[in-house]
Structures are given as C-alpha cells and as structure tokens.
Amino acid sequence: MKFDVIILAGGLGTRLASVVKDVPKPMAPVADKPFLDHILNALPLGHVNKIILAVGYMSDKVINYYGDNFEEIPIVYSVEDEPLGTGGGIGLALNHVTQDTALILNGDTFFDVNYEDFWQIHKDSNVPITLALKQMQSPDRYGTVLMQKNTIVKFNEKVKDLSSGLINGGCYWVNRNILEVLPKAEKYSFEKDFLEVSVQKNYLAGYISDGLFIDIGIPEDYERAQQIFA
C-alpha cells in the first residue's frame, strides 16, 4: 500500500523562543539534526508515495533545507501565506494528496507508533479518521480523550491534577475524502473545530500506542528530546 504523508511544519514556536531562534519549530536542532529529520526517518518510507510539508512561518528555511525530495521520496510544499491554524493547514495540504489515504503528523511532535497496526485499526473501523492516542501520566498540558472499544466518544478539556489519561498524539490516518466534510472556513483548529465536533457523528476511531511521545513545544521537553535522540 502507498500513502501520502502530510506534516504540519509551520509552527511559530513562541514558547520555545527562549532557546530556539531563527528557525520554525520543526527545524529546531535536536541531536545535531532538525527535529523534522527524526520524524521523517521514523516513517515506513517504503510505503510513502510523497511527503507534503505544510509550511508557513519561515517556510524558506524548510524549503531550502529539504528541497524536492527526502531519501528519494518526492516532497511538495503546501505554503500558507498567512497562519491558517491546524485545520486550515490540513485542508490546504489535502489538495496535494493523490492517494486514497494520508498520514498526518505534527512537525513538533515525535510519536513512535507502529504504523502497520495503526493502519489496521483505521481500515477495520471503516471511519474517515483514526487518531493515535497515548496514555499519559499527569496530562495537565493536554485535553484527554474517552474511548469505547475503538470509537472515540468524547474529548475532555484540560484538567489540572489529573493523574492519567489518553491524549491525542497529533498523528492521524485520514481518508482523502474528508475534504468533503471539513469546515469551509479557511482558518480554524482541526482539533477544536473539527475533531471535537465530529465525535457525535462517529467519524473517529482511536489507536492506543505506548511508544515514545515527545512534544518539543516547551523548553523542558526540547531539552529532554536532546537527551533521547543523542
């Protein structure tokens, strides 16, 4: 099976500004490489048809570094002239998808999932979108997800002092035809304005992975990533 990969690589990195300057967040150096390199190298590259990098802030830094291919897999750029939010960025990038399914990843998050098992859940669930979820201790920074069997039934707001919970790992299998049901707005949040609204429609399946999850959005986790990838 071949699929396209969309990576959201337009992050401003405001919370990282104290330690990383002059590059978009996915290009932040981690163990002597852009963080994005670690994400790309973890993909099952033999099955990837093309890589779509959704870029905006300092897009030239990404384009100049990667050019038109990675390990001989074509790269195309979905360029946002102004920030469109995760939803607008995904909507724009989906126009470049030519396969029936695409894998969507966040360029500032590394989530070590078994893509084959993840794909099997997506296929068997027969839904437009499947989320990779992570059981997290003290998930204060994140909202949590409630699941019954493989169906996501509820998104909970961030709760202080929660001992553990399932979080959305920002990694999705989607069918290309979700373009038909995405909001028509150009700028919106994929998580808030689409996923949370779609729960009632039984559009969403979930796959729980216990693989390494690291979001470099804050300086402490950026430092932790340096240790892990070294």
Protein backbone atom coordinates (compact mmCIF):
# COMPACT_ATOMS: atom_id res chain seq x y z
CA MET A 1 0.00 0.00 0.00
CA LYS A 2 1.17 3.51 -0.81
CA PHE A 3 0.03 6.60 1.05
CA ASP A 4 0.86 10.31 1.20
CA VAL A 5 2.20 11.96 4.36
CA ILE A 6 1.27 15.47 5.47
CA ILE A 7 3.49 17.10 8.10
CA LEU A 8 2.42 20.38 9.68
CA ALA A 9 5.69 22.27 9.69
CA GLY A 10 4.62 25.90 10.01
CA GLY A 11 4.84 26.26 13.80
CA LEU A 12 5.93 29.61 15.26
CA GLY A 13 7.43 28.09 18.40
CA THR A 14 6.56 31.03 20.65
CA ARG A 15 7.09 29.01 23.85
CA LEU A 16 10.46 27.82 22.53
CA ALA A 17 11.68 31.31 21.62
CA SER A 18 13.96 31.47 24.65
CA VAL A 19 16.06 28.52 23.39
CA VAL A 20 15.44 28.34 19.61
CA LYS A 21 15.60 31.37 17.36
CA ASP A 22 15.70 31.98 13.62
CA VAL A 23 14.02 28.72 12.54
CA PRO A 24 10.44 27.36 12.57
CA LYS A 25 9.81 24.93 15.43
CA PRO A 26 10.09 21.68 13.37
CA MET A 27 13.56 22.82 12.23
CA ALA A 28 14.80 23.25 15.83
CA PRO A 29 18.11 21.37 16.13
CA VAL A 30 17.82 18.13 18.12
CA ALA A 31 20.93 15.97 18.41
CA ASP A 32 22.59 17.87 15.53
CA LYS A 33 19.67 17.49 13.09
CA PRO A 34 16.41 19.35 12.53
CA PHE A 35 13.69 17.75 14.67
CA LEU A 36 11.79 17.10 11.43
CA ASP A 37 14.55 14.70 10.33
CA HIS A 38 13.79 12.41 13.28
CA ILE A 39 10.09 12.37 12.32
CA LEU A 40 10.83 11.63 8.65
CA ASN A 41 13.32 8.87 9.44
CA ALA A 42 10.76 7.05 11.61
CA LEU A 43 8.27 6.76 8.72
CA PRO A 44 7.81 3.44 6.85
CA LEU A 45 9.47 5.11 3.85
CA GLY A 46 8.99 2.13 1.52
CA HIS A 47 5.22 2.78 1.58
CA VAL A 48 5.32 6.57 1.26
CA ASN A 49 4.20 7.93 -2.12
CA LYS A 50 5.07 11.55 -1.35
CA ILE A 51 5.68 13.91 1.56
CA ILE A 52 3.63 17.10 1.79
CA LEU A 53 5.18 19.70 4.09
CA ALA A 54 2.61 22.28 5.21
CA VAL A 55 4.76 25.37 5.76
CA GLY A 56 4.15 28.99 6.65
CA TYR A 57 6.36 30.79 9.16
CA MET A 58 9.94 30.95 7.77
CA SER A 59 8.95 28.48 5.06
CA ASP A 60 12.15 29.26 3.13
CA LYS A 61 14.23 27.61 5.89
CA VAL A 62 12.35 24.33 5.40
CA ILE A 63 12.29 24.51 1.60
CA ASN A 64 15.99 25.38 1.31
CA TYR A 65 16.97 22.54 3.63
CA TYR A 66 14.86 19.71 2.16
CA GLY A 67 14.49 20.73 -1.48
CA ASP A 68 12.31 18.45 -3.57
CA ASN A 69 12.94 15.02 -2.02
CA PHE A 70 13.82 13.08 1.13
CA GLU A 71 15.52 9.70 0.65
CA GLU A 72 14.31 9.86 -2.98
CA ILE A 73 10.66 10.35 -1.94
CA PRO A 74 9.20 13.47 -3.59
CA ILE A 75 8.45 16.45 -1.34
CA VAL A 76 5.80 19.01 -2.22
CA TYR A 77 5.14 22.16 -0.21
CA SER A 78 1.75 23.42 0.83
CA VAL A 79 2.52 27.07 1.57
CA GLU A 80 0.30 29.17 3.85
CA ASP A 81 0.62 32.87 3.06
CA GLU A 82 -0.82 33.60 6.50
CA PRO A 83 -1.31 31.27 9.50
CA LEU A 84 -4.39 29.11 8.87
CA GLY A 85 -4.43 27.11 12.10
CA THR A 86 -4.08 23.32 12.08
CA GLY A 87 -7.42 22.89 10.28
CA GLY A 88 -6.76 25.38 7.51
CA GLY A 89 -3.24 23.97 7.08
CA ILE A 90 -4.55 20.41 6.77
CA GLY A 91 -7.35 21.47 4.39
CA LEU A 92 -4.86 23.21 2.11
CA ALA A 93 -2.38 20.31 2.20
CA LEU A 94 -5.06 17.71 1.43
CA ASN A 95 -5.39 19.29 -2.02
CA HIS A 96 -1.95 17.78 -2.78
CA VAL A 97 -2.97 14.26 -1.70
CA THR A 98 -3.41 11.84 -4.61
CA GLN A 99 -3.65 8.53 -2.70
CA ASP A 100 -6.87 7.37 -1.02
CA THR A 101 -5.37 7.75 2.44
CA ALA A 102 -2.90 10.07 4.09
CA LEU A 103 -0.98 10.08 7.33
CA ILE A 104 -0.99 13.46 9.08
CA LEU A 105 1.70 14.35 11.63
CA ASN A 106 2.65 17.39 13.68
CA GLY A 107 6.12 18.70 12.89
CA ASP A 108 6.85 19.48 16.54
CA THR A 109 5.81 16.08 17.96
CA PHE A 110 7.56 12.73 17.73
CA PHE A 111 5.26 9.75 18.38
CA ASP A 112 6.75 6.31 17.88
CA VAL A 113 3.72 4.36 16.65
CA ASN A 114 3.52 1.03 14.85
CA TYR A 115 2.13 2.41 11.60
CA GLU A 116 1.01 -1.01 10.37
CA ASP A 117 -1.10 -1.72 13.49
CA PHE A 118 -2.37 1.86 13.41
CA TRP A 119 -3.39 1.44 9.75
CA GLN A 120 -5.16 -1.88 10.52
CA ILE A 121 -7.35 -0.18 13.17
CA HIS A 122 -8.18 2.60 10.68
CA LYS A 123 -9.10 0.10 7.97
CA ASP A 124 -11.14 -2.16 10.25
CA SER A 125 -13.00 0.76 11.85
CA ASN A 126 -14.22 1.99 8.46
CA VAL A 127 -14.22 5.65 9.55
CA PRO A 128 -12.74 8.74 7.85
CA ILE A 129 -10.23 9.48 10.65
CA THR A 130 -8.28 7.46 13.20
CA LEU A 131 -6.25 9.16 15.93
CA ALA A 132 -3.14 7.75 17.58
CA LEU A 133 -3.55 8.13 21.35
CA LYS A 134 -1.07 7.97 24.20
CA GLN A 135 -1.77 7.04 27.84
CA MET A 136 -0.05 9.87 29.71
CA GLN A 137 0.71 10.40 33.39
CA SER A 138 -0.29 13.91 34.60
CA PRO A 139 -1.63 15.08 31.22
CA ASP A 140 -2.14 18.67 32.50
CA ARG A 141 -0.89 20.25 29.25
CA TYR A 142 -3.35 18.33 27.11
CA GLY A 143 -7.05 17.63 26.85
CA THR A 144 -7.94 13.96 27.19
CA VAL A 145 -9.94 11.53 25.06
CA LEU A 146 -12.58 8.98 26.08
CA MET A 147 -12.87 5.82 24.02
CA GLN A 148 -15.31 2.89 23.88
CA LYS A 149 -13.89 -0.12 22.05
CA ASN A 150 -12.12 1.62 19.15
CA THR A 151 -14.51 4.57 18.86
CA ILE A 152 -13.72 7.98 20.30
CA VAL A 153 -16.81 9.19 22.18
CA LYS A 154 -15.68 12.32 23.99
CA PHE A 155 -12.96 14.97 24.24
CA ASN A 156 -12.37 16.43 27.71
CA GLU A 157 -10.89 19.86 28.38
CA LYS A 158 -7.51 20.19 30.11
CA VAL A 159 -7.90 19.29 33.80
CA LYS A 160 -5.39 20.23 36.48
CA ASP A 161 -4.02 17.43 38.71
CA LEU A 162 -5.45 14.59 36.58
CA SER A 163 -3.36 11.51 37.41
CA SER A 164 -3.50 9.98 33.91
CA GLY A 165 -5.48 10.00 30.70
CA LEU A 166 -5.45 9.27 26.98
CA ILE A 167 -4.21 12.22 24.93
CA ASN A 168 -4.44 12.94 21.22
CA GLY A 169 -0.90 12.32 19.91
CA GLY A 170 -1.41 14.59 16.87
CA CYS A 171 -0.98 11.67 14.47
CA TYR A 172 -3.89 10.73 12.16
CA TRP A 173 -4.82 8.34 9.40
CA VAL A 174 -7.36 10.11 7.20
CA ASN A 175 -9.26 9.22 4.07
CA ARG A 176 -8.71 11.77 1.33
CA ASN A 177 -12.45 12.37 1.02
CA ILE A 178 -12.58 14.06 4.46
CA LEU A 179 -12.12 17.20 2.37
CA GLU A 180 -15.85 16.97 1.74
CA VAL A 181 -16.73 17.23 5.44
CA LEU A 182 -14.06 19.65 6.68
CA PRO A 183 -15.28 23.15 7.65
CA LYS A 184 -15.37 25.56 4.74
CA ALA A 185 -13.56 28.25 6.77
CA GLU A 186 -10.00 28.93 5.64
CA LYS A 187 -8.67 29.32 9.17
CA TYR A 188 -9.64 27.04 12.07
CA SER A 189 -8.39 24.48 14.59
CA PHE A 190 -8.53 20.88 13.37
CA GLU A 191 -8.75 19.67 16.96
CA LYS A 192 -11.37 22.07 18.38
CA ASP A 193 -13.45 22.99 15.35
CA PHE A 194 -13.46 19.65 13.57
CA LEU A 195 -12.48 16.64 15.70
CA GLU A 196 -14.44 17.67 18.79
CA VAL A 197 -17.49 18.46 16.67
CA SER A 198 -17.18 15.16 14.76
CA VAL A 199 -17.44 12.97 17.87
CA GLN A 200 -21.25 12.97 17.64
CA LYS A 201 -21.08 11.67 14.08
CA ASN A 202 -18.99 8.58 14.97
CA TYR A 203 -16.33 9.69 12.48
CA LEU A 204 -13.42 8.96 14.79
CA ALA A 205 -11.58 5.80 15.78
CA GLY A 206 -8.64 5.60 18.16
CA TYR A 207 -5.47 3.54 18.32
CA ILE A 208 -3.52 3.47 21.60
CA SER A 209 0.26 3.35 21.32
CA ASP A 210 2.72 3.02 24.19
CA GLY A 211 5.60 4.27 22.03
CA LEU A 212 7.79 7.25 22.85
CA PHE A 213 5.86 10.53 22.72
CA ILE A 214 7.64 13.87 22.87
CA ASP A 215 6.29 17.31 22.05
CA ILE A 216 9.11 19.88 21.82
CA GLY A 217 6.75 22.81 22.35
CA ILE A 218 8.24 23.82 25.70
CA PRO A 219 11.93 24.26 26.66
CA GLU A 220 11.97 21.38 29.20
CA ASP A 221 10.75 18.85 26.64
CA TYR A 222 13.03 20.29 23.98
CA GLU A 223 15.95 19.58 26.32
CA ARG A 224 14.60 16.08 27.01
CA ALA A 225 14.49 15.43 23.24
CA GLN A 226 18.21 16.29 23.04
CA GLN A 227 18.98 13.52 25.54
CA ILE A 228 16.66 10.95 23.93
CA PHE A 229 17.83 11.42 20.34
CA ALA A 230 21.50 11.71 21.24
